[in-house]
Amino acid sequence: MQRRLLPIIIAAGALAVGCGGSDSSDDAASDSSTTDAAGTDETDETDETGAGTDVPAEDPASEDPASGDPGAELPTFASDFERVCTTQVGFGGATPLGDGPGPHPIILFQETDSGLLIESAVDLPAGWAIETDADFDDNSDLAPTELIGCSQIVTEQPNGIACDLEDDDGNITTLDLVDVTYELTVFEATTGAPVGTETIEAADTECPFFVLIDEGDTQHFNTPDADQYTNALKAYVAPA
């Protein structure tokens, strides 16, 4: 067993629990009863002659609030593009995939060992990745997105290497290294249509220098490095 004392962070899981003394559904029913008793109908108006006129109800889902144009839906956050990976439903407010050499900006998601798809922090070449700012009230920085990359786990195999890692309190956690095969599928951001698929093998016998783990974890999944992702994505993001 390979022993290396390396820094780790133990991440405690968070559980959101809702509590309160009233039931929101009961409150809604009470509000509805009050409205009915008053005889108020928000879709009816009365003109000067006393005749009733119908006011068509608006469909809030018919247009994107950021653009005001029907069908130009754009996610609030970059992480919302994960929908393309799981449902193949795109966002019409993104940028259609162009025919030129690019780069065609991409947002890359990678599956974790717990099965979640999260934005990858891997460093791609300049101009390849969408860069977002801290203004969460303005999602226009997501509009240039042309591609969504979804890197998902296909196979996993422990490679026989065990890493003993030490945290700041001197506690030792042993993690078995696991080699992983990822299937990287690239989709159009606007339509959710698949563009292509690549296979990446993440195999490494070196223990990590720094990891973020959950309490009780016993394995560390190897992940593709920047060069592997760059080579796999080049044909789509920056074709020759």
C-alpha atoms as a PDB file:
ATOM      1  CA  MET A   1       0.000   0.000   0.000  1.00  0.00           C
ATOM      2  CA  GLN A   2       1.413   3.383  -0.995  1.00  0.00           C
ATOM      3  CA  ARG A   3       1.512   5.812   1.959  1.00  0.00           C
ATOM      4  CA  ARG A   4       1.620   9.553   1.423  1.00  0.00           C
ATOM      5  CA  LEU A   5       0.518  12.069   3.989  1.00  0.00           C
ATOM      6  CA  LEU A   6      -1.210  14.769   1.995  1.00  0.00           C
ATOM      7  CA  PRO A   7      -3.680  17.505   2.945  1.00  0.00           C
ATOM      8  CA  ILE A   8      -7.397  16.814   2.600  1.00  0.00           C
ATOM      9  CA  ILE A   9     -10.599  18.592   3.513  1.00  0.00           C
ATOM     10  CA  ILE A  10     -13.457  16.647   5.055  1.00  0.00           C
ATOM     11  CA  ALA A  11     -16.695  18.057   3.688  1.00  0.00           C
ATOM     12  CA  ALA A  12     -19.763  17.498   5.821  1.00  0.00           C
ATOM     13  CA  GLY A  13     -23.002  16.899   3.913  1.00  0.00           C
ATOM     14  CA  ALA A  14     -25.719  19.524   4.163  1.00  0.00           C
ATOM     15  CA  LEU A  15     -29.378  18.723   4.576  1.00  0.00           C
ATOM     16  CA  ALA A  16     -32.006  21.389   4.061  1.00  0.00           C
ATOM     17  CA  VAL A  17     -34.966  20.945   6.382  1.00  0.00           C
ATOM     18  CA  GLY A  18     -38.070  23.062   6.107  1.00  0.00           C
ATOM     19  CA  CYS A  19     -40.108  23.840   9.168  1.00  0.00           C
ATOM     20  CA  GLY A  20     -42.879  26.193  10.140  1.00  0.00           C
ATOM     21  CA  GLY A  21     -46.166  26.456  11.949  1.00  0.00           C
ATOM     22  CA  SER A  22     -48.427  26.752   8.924  1.00  0.00           C
ATOM     23  CA  ASP A  23     -49.014  24.901   5.729  1.00  0.00           C
ATOM     24  CA  SER A  24     -48.519  27.046   2.598  1.00  0.00           C
ATOM     25  CA  SER A  25     -51.166  25.020   0.744  1.00  0.00           C
ATOM     26  CA  ASP A  26     -53.698  25.848   3.475  1.00  0.00           C
ATOM     27  CA  ASP A  27     -52.784  29.546   3.214  1.00  0.00           C
ATOM     28  CA  ALA A  28     -53.265  29.399  -0.556  1.00  0.00           C
ATOM     29  CA  ALA A  29     -56.656  27.772  -0.141  1.00  0.00           C
ATOM     30  CA  SER A  30     -57.650  30.477   2.365  1.00  0.00           C
ATOM     31  CA  ASP A  31     -56.604  33.232  -0.058  1.00  0.00           C
ATOM     32  CA  SER A  32     -58.589  31.551  -2.833  1.00  0.00           C
ATOM     33  CA  SER A  33     -61.688  31.353  -0.648  1.00  0.00           C
ATOM     34  CA  THR A  34     -61.413  35.051   0.212  1.00  0.00           C
ATOM     35  CA  THR A  35     -61.176  35.969  -3.454  1.00  0.00           C
ATOM     36  CA  ASP A  36     -64.195  33.890  -4.395  1.00  0.00           C
ATOM     37  CA  ALA A  37     -66.270  35.396  -1.614  1.00  0.00           C
ATOM     38  CA  ALA A  38     -65.478  38.880  -2.859  1.00  0.00           C
ATOM     39  CA  GLY A  39     -66.515  37.891  -6.375  1.00  0.00           C
ATOM     40  CA  THR A  40     -63.317  39.281  -7.929  1.00  0.00           C
ATOM     41  CA  ASP A  41     -62.242  38.038 -11.373  1.00  0.00           C
ATOM     42  CA  GLU A  42     -58.879  39.414 -12.525  1.00  0.00           C
ATOM     43  CA  THR A  43     -59.590  38.543 -16.163  1.00  0.00           C
ATOM     44  CA  ASP A  44     -62.756  40.679 -16.404  1.00  0.00           C
ATOM     45  CA  GLU A  45     -63.018  44.447 -16.714  1.00  0.00           C
ATOM     46  CA  THR A  46     -66.058  46.665 -17.055  1.00  0.00           C
ATOM     47  CA  ASP A  47     -66.186  49.421 -19.692  1.00  0.00           C
ATOM     48  CA  GLU A  48     -67.972  52.771 -19.351  1.00  0.00           C
ATOM     49  CA  THR A  49     -71.293  51.276 -20.556  1.00  0.00           C
ATOM     50  CA  GLY A  50     -71.212  48.663 -17.798  1.00  0.00           C
ATOM     51  CA  ALA A  51     -70.549  45.780 -20.220  1.00  0.00           C
ATOM     52  CA  GLY A  52     -67.977  43.222 -19.220  1.00  0.00           C
ATOM     53  CA  THR A  53     -64.834  42.760 -21.361  1.00  0.00           C
ATOM     54  CA  ASP A  54     -62.436  39.844 -21.272  1.00  0.00           C
ATOM     55  CA  VAL A  55     -58.727  40.542 -20.752  1.00  0.00           C
ATOM     56  CA  PRO A  56     -56.575  37.687 -22.109  1.00  0.00           C
ATOM     57  CA  ALA A  57     -54.352  36.124 -19.477  1.00  0.00           C
ATOM     58  CA  GLU A  58     -50.618  36.407 -20.098  1.00  0.00           C
ATOM     59  CA  ASP A  59     -48.486  33.318 -20.366  1.00  0.00           C
ATOM     60  CA  PRO A  60     -45.323  34.037 -18.367  1.00  0.00           C
ATOM     61  CA  ALA A  61     -43.517  31.127 -20.048  1.00  0.00           C
ATOM     62  CA  SER A  62     -44.065  32.445 -23.556  1.00  0.00           C
ATOM     63  CA  GLU A  63     -41.035  34.701 -23.512  1.00  0.00           C
ATOM     64  CA  ASP A  64     -37.720  35.024 -21.765  1.00  0.00           C
ATOM     65  CA  PRO A  65     -37.673  37.924 -19.281  1.00  0.00           C
ATOM     66  CA  ALA A  66     -34.085  38.790 -20.179  1.00  0.00           C
ATOM     67  CA  SER A  67     -34.735  39.273 -23.874  1.00  0.00           C
ATOM     68  CA  GLY A  68     -38.474  39.809 -24.187  1.00  0.00           C
ATOM     69  CA  ASP A  69     -38.488  37.623 -27.313  1.00  0.00           C
ATOM     70  CA  PRO A  70     -40.579  34.458 -27.559  1.00  0.00           C
ATOM     71  CA  GLY A  71     -38.458  31.319 -27.713  1.00  0.00           C
ATOM     72  CA  ALA A  72     -35.268  33.100 -26.598  1.00  0.00           C
ATOM     73  CA  GLU A  73     -34.956  31.268 -23.290  1.00  0.00           C
ATOM     74  CA  LEU A  74     -31.617  31.709 -21.562  1.00  0.00           C
ATOM     75  CA  PRO A  75     -30.684  30.080 -18.248  1.00  0.00           C
ATOM     76  CA  THR A  76     -30.191  32.204 -15.166  1.00  0.00           C
ATOM     77  CA  PHE A  77     -26.933  30.479 -14.263  1.00  0.00           C
ATOM     78  CA  ALA A  78     -24.357  28.515 -16.265  1.00  0.00           C
ATOM     79  CA  SER A  79     -25.140  25.440 -14.171  1.00  0.00           C
ATOM     80  CA  ASP A  80     -28.680  25.458 -15.591  1.00  0.00           C
ATOM     81  CA  PHE A  81     -27.242  24.305 -18.936  1.00  0.00           C
ATOM     82  CA  GLU A  82     -26.954  20.881 -17.253  1.00  0.00           C
ATOM     83  CA  ARG A  83     -30.504  20.404 -18.562  1.00  0.00           C
ATOM     84  CA  VAL A  84     -29.034  19.853 -22.019  1.00  0.00           C
ATOM     85  CA  CYS A  85     -27.051  16.863 -20.717  1.00  0.00           C
ATOM     86  CA  THR A  86     -29.989  15.185 -19.008  1.00  0.00           C
ATOM     87  CA  THR A  87     -32.942  16.023 -21.269  1.00  0.00           C
ATOM     88  CA  GLN A  88     -31.383  17.186 -24.573  1.00  0.00           C
ATOM     89  CA  VAL A  89     -33.573  20.288 -24.367  1.00  0.00           C
ATOM     90  CA  GLY A  90     -31.664  23.388 -25.407  1.00  0.00           C
ATOM     91  CA  PHE A  91     -31.973  27.101 -24.667  1.00  0.00           C
ATOM     92  CA  GLY A  92     -33.103  29.220 -27.609  1.00  0.00           C
ATOM     93  CA  GLY A  93     -31.435  32.311 -26.169  1.00  0.00           C
ATOM     94  CA  ALA A  94     -27.955  30.807 -26.611  1.00  0.00           C
ATOM     95  CA  THR A  95     -25.965  31.184 -29.828  1.00  0.00           C
ATOM     96  CA  PRO A  96     -26.576  28.752 -32.729  1.00  0.00           C
ATOM     97  CA  LEU A  97     -23.568  26.615 -33.585  1.00  0.00           C
ATOM     98  CA  GLY A  98     -21.604  28.298 -36.355  1.00  0.00           C
ATOM     99  CA  ASP A  99     -19.847  26.729 -39.336  1.00  0.00           C
ATOM    100  CA  GLY A 100     -16.535  28.561 -39.021  1.00  0.00           C
ATOM    101  CA  PRO A 101     -13.275  27.477 -37.384  1.00  0.00           C
ATOM    102  CA  GLY A 102     -14.346  28.934 -34.052  1.00  0.00           C
ATOM    103  CA  PRO A 103     -13.704  28.827 -31.269  1.00  0.00           C
ATOM    104  CA  HIS A 104     -17.295  27.829 -30.561  1.00  0.00           C
ATOM    105  CA  PRO A 105     -17.662  28.574 -26.817  1.00  0.00           C
ATOM    106  CA  ILE A 106     -18.549  25.639 -24.605  1.00  0.00           C
ATOM    107  CA  ILE A 107     -19.683  24.937 -21.057  1.00  0.00           C
ATOM    108  CA  LEU A 108     -18.318  21.605 -19.825  1.00  0.00           C
ATOM    109  CA  PHE A 109     -20.002  19.384 -17.236  1.00  0.00           C
ATOM    110  CA  GLN A 110     -18.419  16.362 -15.556  1.00  0.00           C
ATOM    111  CA  GLU A 111     -20.063  13.597 -13.557  1.00  0.00           C
ATOM    112  CA  THR A 112     -18.805  13.083  -9.998  1.00  0.00           C
ATOM    113  CA  ASP A 113     -18.446   9.778  -8.186  1.00  0.00           C
ATOM    114  CA  SER A 114     -21.779  10.536  -6.504  1.00  0.00           C
ATOM    115  CA  GLY A 115     -23.545  10.800  -9.868  1.00  0.00           C
ATOM    116  CA  LEU A 116     -23.943  14.577  -9.996  1.00  0.00           C
ATOM    117  CA  LEU A 117     -23.182  16.616 -13.101  1.00  0.00           C
ATOM    118  CA  ILE A 118     -21.244  19.740 -12.174  1.00  0.00           C
ATOM    119  CA  GLU A 119     -19.398  22.403 -14.127  1.00  0.00           C
ATOM    120  CA  SER A 120     -15.848  21.280 -14.778  1.00  0.00           C
ATOM    121  CA  ALA A 121     -13.049  23.480 -13.428  1.00  0.00           C
ATOM    122  CA  VAL A 122     -10.554  22.209 -16.001  1.00  0.00           C
ATOM    123  CA  ASP A 123      -8.566  24.931 -17.799  1.00  0.00           C
ATOM    124  CA  LEU A 124      -9.375  24.967 -21.518  1.00  0.00           C
ATOM    125  CA  PRO A 125      -7.543  27.098 -24.113  1.00  0.00           C
ATOM    126  CA  ALA A 126      -8.324  30.810 -24.234  1.00  0.00           C
ATOM    127  CA  GLY A 127     -11.688  31.571 -25.822  1.00  0.00           C
ATOM    128  CA  TRP A 128     -13.014  28.032 -25.513  1.00  0.00           C
ATOM    129  CA  ALA A 129     -14.908  28.290 -22.225  1.00  0.00           C
ATOM    130  CA  ILE A 130     -17.715  30.677 -21.351  1.00  0.00           C
ATOM    131  CA  GLU A 131     -16.608  33.179 -18.721  1.00  0.00           C
ATOM    132  CA  THR A 132     -19.253  34.465 -16.320  1.00  0.00           C
ATOM    133  CA  ASP A 133     -19.236  37.457 -13.997  1.00  0.00           C
ATOM    134  CA  ALA A 134     -20.647  37.994 -10.520  1.00  0.00           C
ATOM    135  CA  ASP A 135     -23.693  39.945 -11.696  1.00  0.00           C
ATOM    136  CA  PHE A 136     -26.400  37.342 -11.164  1.00  0.00           C
ATOM    137  CA  ASP A 137     -29.123  39.772 -12.238  1.00  0.00           C
ATOM    138  CA  ASP A 138     -27.711  39.829 -15.786  1.00  0.00           C
ATOM    139  CA  ASN A 139     -27.396  36.506 -17.624  1.00  0.00           C
ATOM    140  CA  SER A 140     -26.323  38.018 -20.967  1.00  0.00           C
ATOM    141  CA  ASP A 141     -22.807  36.623 -20.477  1.00  0.00           C
ATOM    142  CA  LEU A 142     -24.290  33.161 -21.159  1.00  0.00           C
ATOM    143  CA  ALA A 143     -25.714  34.125 -24.559  1.00  0.00           C
ATOM    144  CA  PRO A 144     -22.489  33.355 -26.546  1.00  0.00           C
ATOM    145  CA  THR A 145     -22.675  29.679 -25.528  1.00  0.00           C
ATOM    146  CA  GLU A 146     -22.734  27.443 -28.611  1.00  0.00           C
ATOM    147  CA  LEU A 147     -21.877  24.023 -27.182  1.00  0.00           C
ATOM    148  CA  ILE A 148     -22.498  21.983 -24.046  1.00  0.00           C
ATOM    149  CA  GLY A 149     -20.080  19.180 -23.130  1.00  0.00           C
ATOM    150  CA  CYS A 150     -21.276  16.344 -20.888  1.00  0.00           C
ATOM    151  CA  SER A 151     -18.590  14.032 -19.504  1.00  0.00           C
ATOM    152  CA  GLN A 152     -20.239  11.042 -17.835  1.00  0.00           C
ATOM    153  CA  ILE A 153     -18.877   7.928 -16.155  1.00  0.00           C
ATOM    154  CA  VAL A 154     -19.122   4.702 -18.144  1.00  0.00           C
ATOM    155  CA  THR A 155     -16.852   2.306 -16.213  1.00  0.00           C
ATOM    156  CA  GLU A 156     -14.817   2.456 -13.000  1.00  0.00           C
ATOM    157  CA  GLN A 157     -12.048   0.143 -11.799  1.00  0.00           C
ATOM    158  CA  PRO A 158      -9.842   0.389  -8.674  1.00  0.00           C
ATOM    159  CA  ASN A 159      -6.201   0.295  -9.798  1.00  0.00           C
ATOM    160  CA  GLY A 160      -4.639  -1.137  -6.611  1.00  0.00           C
ATOM    161  CA  ILE A 161      -3.136   2.112  -5.317  1.00  0.00           C
ATOM    162  CA  ALA A 162      -4.134   3.267  -1.815  1.00  0.00           C
ATOM    163  CA  CYS A 163      -3.427   6.813  -0.655  1.00  0.00           C
ATOM    164  CA  ASP A 164      -3.152   7.738   3.026  1.00  0.00           C
ATOM    165  CA  LEU A 165      -4.003  11.404   3.384  1.00  0.00           C
ATOM    166  CA  GLU A 166      -3.694  13.572   6.480  1.00  0.00           C
ATOM    167  CA  ASP A 167      -5.929  16.520   7.355  1.00  0.00           C
ATOM    168  CA  ASP A 168      -5.028  19.564   9.465  1.00  0.00           C
ATOM    169  CA  ASP A 169      -5.933  17.712  12.670  1.00  0.00           C
ATOM    170  CA  GLY A 170      -3.609  14.818  11.915  1.00  0.00           C
ATOM    171  CA  ASN A 171      -6.395  12.387  11.042  1.00  0.00           C
ATOM    172  CA  ILE A 172      -5.566   9.838   8.349  1.00  0.00           C
ATOM    173  CA  THR A 173      -8.039   8.953   5.601  1.00  0.00           C
ATOM    174  CA  THR A 174      -7.246   6.145   3.158  1.00  0.00           C
ATOM    175  CA  LEU A 175      -8.615   6.439  -0.369  1.00  0.00           C
ATOM    176  CA  ASP A 176      -8.348   3.795  -3.080  1.00  0.00           C
ATOM    177  CA  LEU A 177      -7.579   5.222  -6.511  1.00  0.00           C
ATOM    178  CA  VAL A 178     -10.127   4.348  -9.195  1.00  0.00           C
ATOM    179  CA  ASP A 179      -9.497   4.522 -12.948  1.00  0.00           C
ATOM    180  CA  VAL A 180     -12.545   5.790 -14.810  1.00  0.00           C
ATOM    181  CA  THR A 181     -13.754   5.750 -18.406  1.00  0.00           C
ATOM    182  CA  TYR A 182     -15.757   8.846 -19.343  1.00  0.00           C
ATOM    183  CA  GLU A 183     -18.064   9.301 -22.322  1.00  0.00           C
ATOM    184  CA  LEU A 184     -17.925  12.918 -23.466  1.00  0.00           C
ATOM    185  CA  THR A 185     -20.946  13.969 -25.536  1.00  0.00           C
ATOM    186  CA  VAL A 186     -21.124  17.407 -27.133  1.00  0.00           C
ATOM    187  CA  PHE A 187     -24.532  19.019 -27.752  1.00  0.00           C
ATOM    188  CA  GLU A 188     -25.726  22.193 -29.440  1.00  0.00           C
ATOM    189  CA  ALA A 189     -26.680  24.686 -26.742  1.00  0.00           C
ATOM    190  CA  THR A 190     -29.718  26.040 -28.596  1.00  0.00           C
ATOM    191  CA  THR A 191     -31.359  22.812 -29.752  1.00  0.00           C
ATOM    192  CA  GLY A 192     -29.899  20.097 -27.520  1.00  0.00           C
ATOM    193  CA  ALA A 193     -28.995  18.116 -30.640  1.00  0.00           C
ATOM    194  CA  PRO A 194     -25.922  15.867 -30.278  1.00  0.00           C
ATOM    195  CA  VAL A 195     -22.840  16.902 -32.238  1.00  0.00           C
ATOM    196  CA  GLY A 196     -20.445  14.091 -31.382  1.00  0.00           C
ATOM    197  CA  THR A 197     -19.129  11.693 -28.721  1.00  0.00           C
ATOM    198  CA  GLU A 198     -15.599  10.941 -27.497  1.00  0.00           C
ATOM    199  CA  THR A 199     -14.248   8.413 -24.975  1.00  0.00           C
ATOM    200  CA  ILE A 200     -11.649   9.479 -22.410  1.00  0.00           C
ATOM    201  CA  GLU A 201      -9.694   7.148 -20.123  1.00  0.00           C
ATOM    202  CA  ALA A 202      -8.721   8.706 -16.792  1.00  0.00           C
ATOM    203  CA  ALA A 203      -6.011   6.486 -15.287  1.00  0.00           C
ATOM    204  CA  ASP A 204      -3.444   7.676 -12.752  1.00  0.00           C
ATOM    205  CA  THR A 205      -1.247   6.012 -10.130  1.00  0.00           C
ATOM    206  CA  GLU A 206      -0.282   9.266  -8.402  1.00  0.00           C
ATOM    207  CA  CYS A 207      -2.052  10.158  -5.168  1.00  0.00           C
ATOM    208  CA  PRO A 208      -3.790  13.545  -5.193  1.00  0.00           C
ATOM    209  CA  PHE A 209      -2.145  16.472  -3.420  1.00  0.00           C
ATOM    210  CA  PHE A 210      -5.451  18.001  -2.391  1.00  0.00           C
ATOM    211  CA  VAL A 211      -8.954  16.538  -2.382  1.00  0.00           C
ATOM    212  CA  LEU A 212     -12.415  17.448  -1.177  1.00  0.00           C
ATOM    213  CA  ILE A 213     -14.247  14.434   0.216  1.00  0.00           C
ATOM    214  CA  ASP A 214     -17.436  13.549   2.055  1.00  0.00           C
ATOM    215  CA  GLU A 215     -17.284  11.807   5.395  1.00  0.00           C
ATOM    216  CA  GLY A 216     -17.126   8.076   4.853  1.00  0.00           C
ATOM    217  CA  ASP A 217     -15.583   8.207   1.360  1.00  0.00           C
ATOM    218  CA  THR A 218     -13.128   5.394   0.637  1.00  0.00           C
ATOM    219  CA  GLN A 219     -12.333   6.024  -3.048  1.00  0.00           C
ATOM    220  CA  HIS A 220     -10.904   8.769  -5.202  1.00  0.00           C
ATOM    221  CA  PHE A 221     -11.999   8.774  -8.852  1.00  0.00           C
ATOM    222  CA  ASN A 222      -9.391   9.788 -11.397  1.00  0.00           C
ATOM    223  CA  THR A 223     -10.598  12.500 -13.785  1.00  0.00           C
ATOM    224  CA  PRO A 224      -9.426  13.641 -17.233  1.00  0.00           C
ATOM    225  CA  ASP A 225      -6.817  16.379 -17.213  1.00  0.00           C
ATOM    226  CA  ALA A 226      -6.824  19.590 -19.248  1.00  0.00           C
ATOM    227  CA  ASP A 227      -4.858  18.100 -22.146  1.00  0.00           C
ATOM    228  CA  GLN A 228      -7.257  15.163 -22.474  1.00  0.00           C
ATOM    229  CA  TYR A 229     -10.291  17.426 -22.579  1.00  0.00           C
ATOM    230  CA  THR A 230      -8.591  19.826 -24.982  1.00  0.00           C
ATOM    231  CA  ASN A 231      -7.746  17.020 -27.400  1.00  0.00           C
ATOM    232  CA  ALA A 232     -11.238  15.512 -27.154  1.00  0.00           C
ATOM    233  CA  LEU A 233     -13.031  18.846 -27.679  1.00  0.00           C
ATOM    234  CA  LYS A 234     -10.823  20.378 -30.350  1.00  0.00           C
ATOM    235  CA  ALA A 235     -12.770  18.919 -33.285  1.00  0.00           C
ATOM    236  CA  TYR A 236     -15.941  20.613 -32.007  1.00  0.00           C
ATOM    237  CA  VAL A 237     -14.770  23.844 -30.358  1.00  0.00           C
ATOM    238  CA  ALA A 238     -11.905  24.756 -32.668  1.00  0.00           C
ATOM    239  CA  PRO A 239     -12.068  22.590 -35.813  1.00  0.00           C
ATOM    240  CA  ALA A 240      -9.249  22.986 -38.271  1.00  0.00           C
END
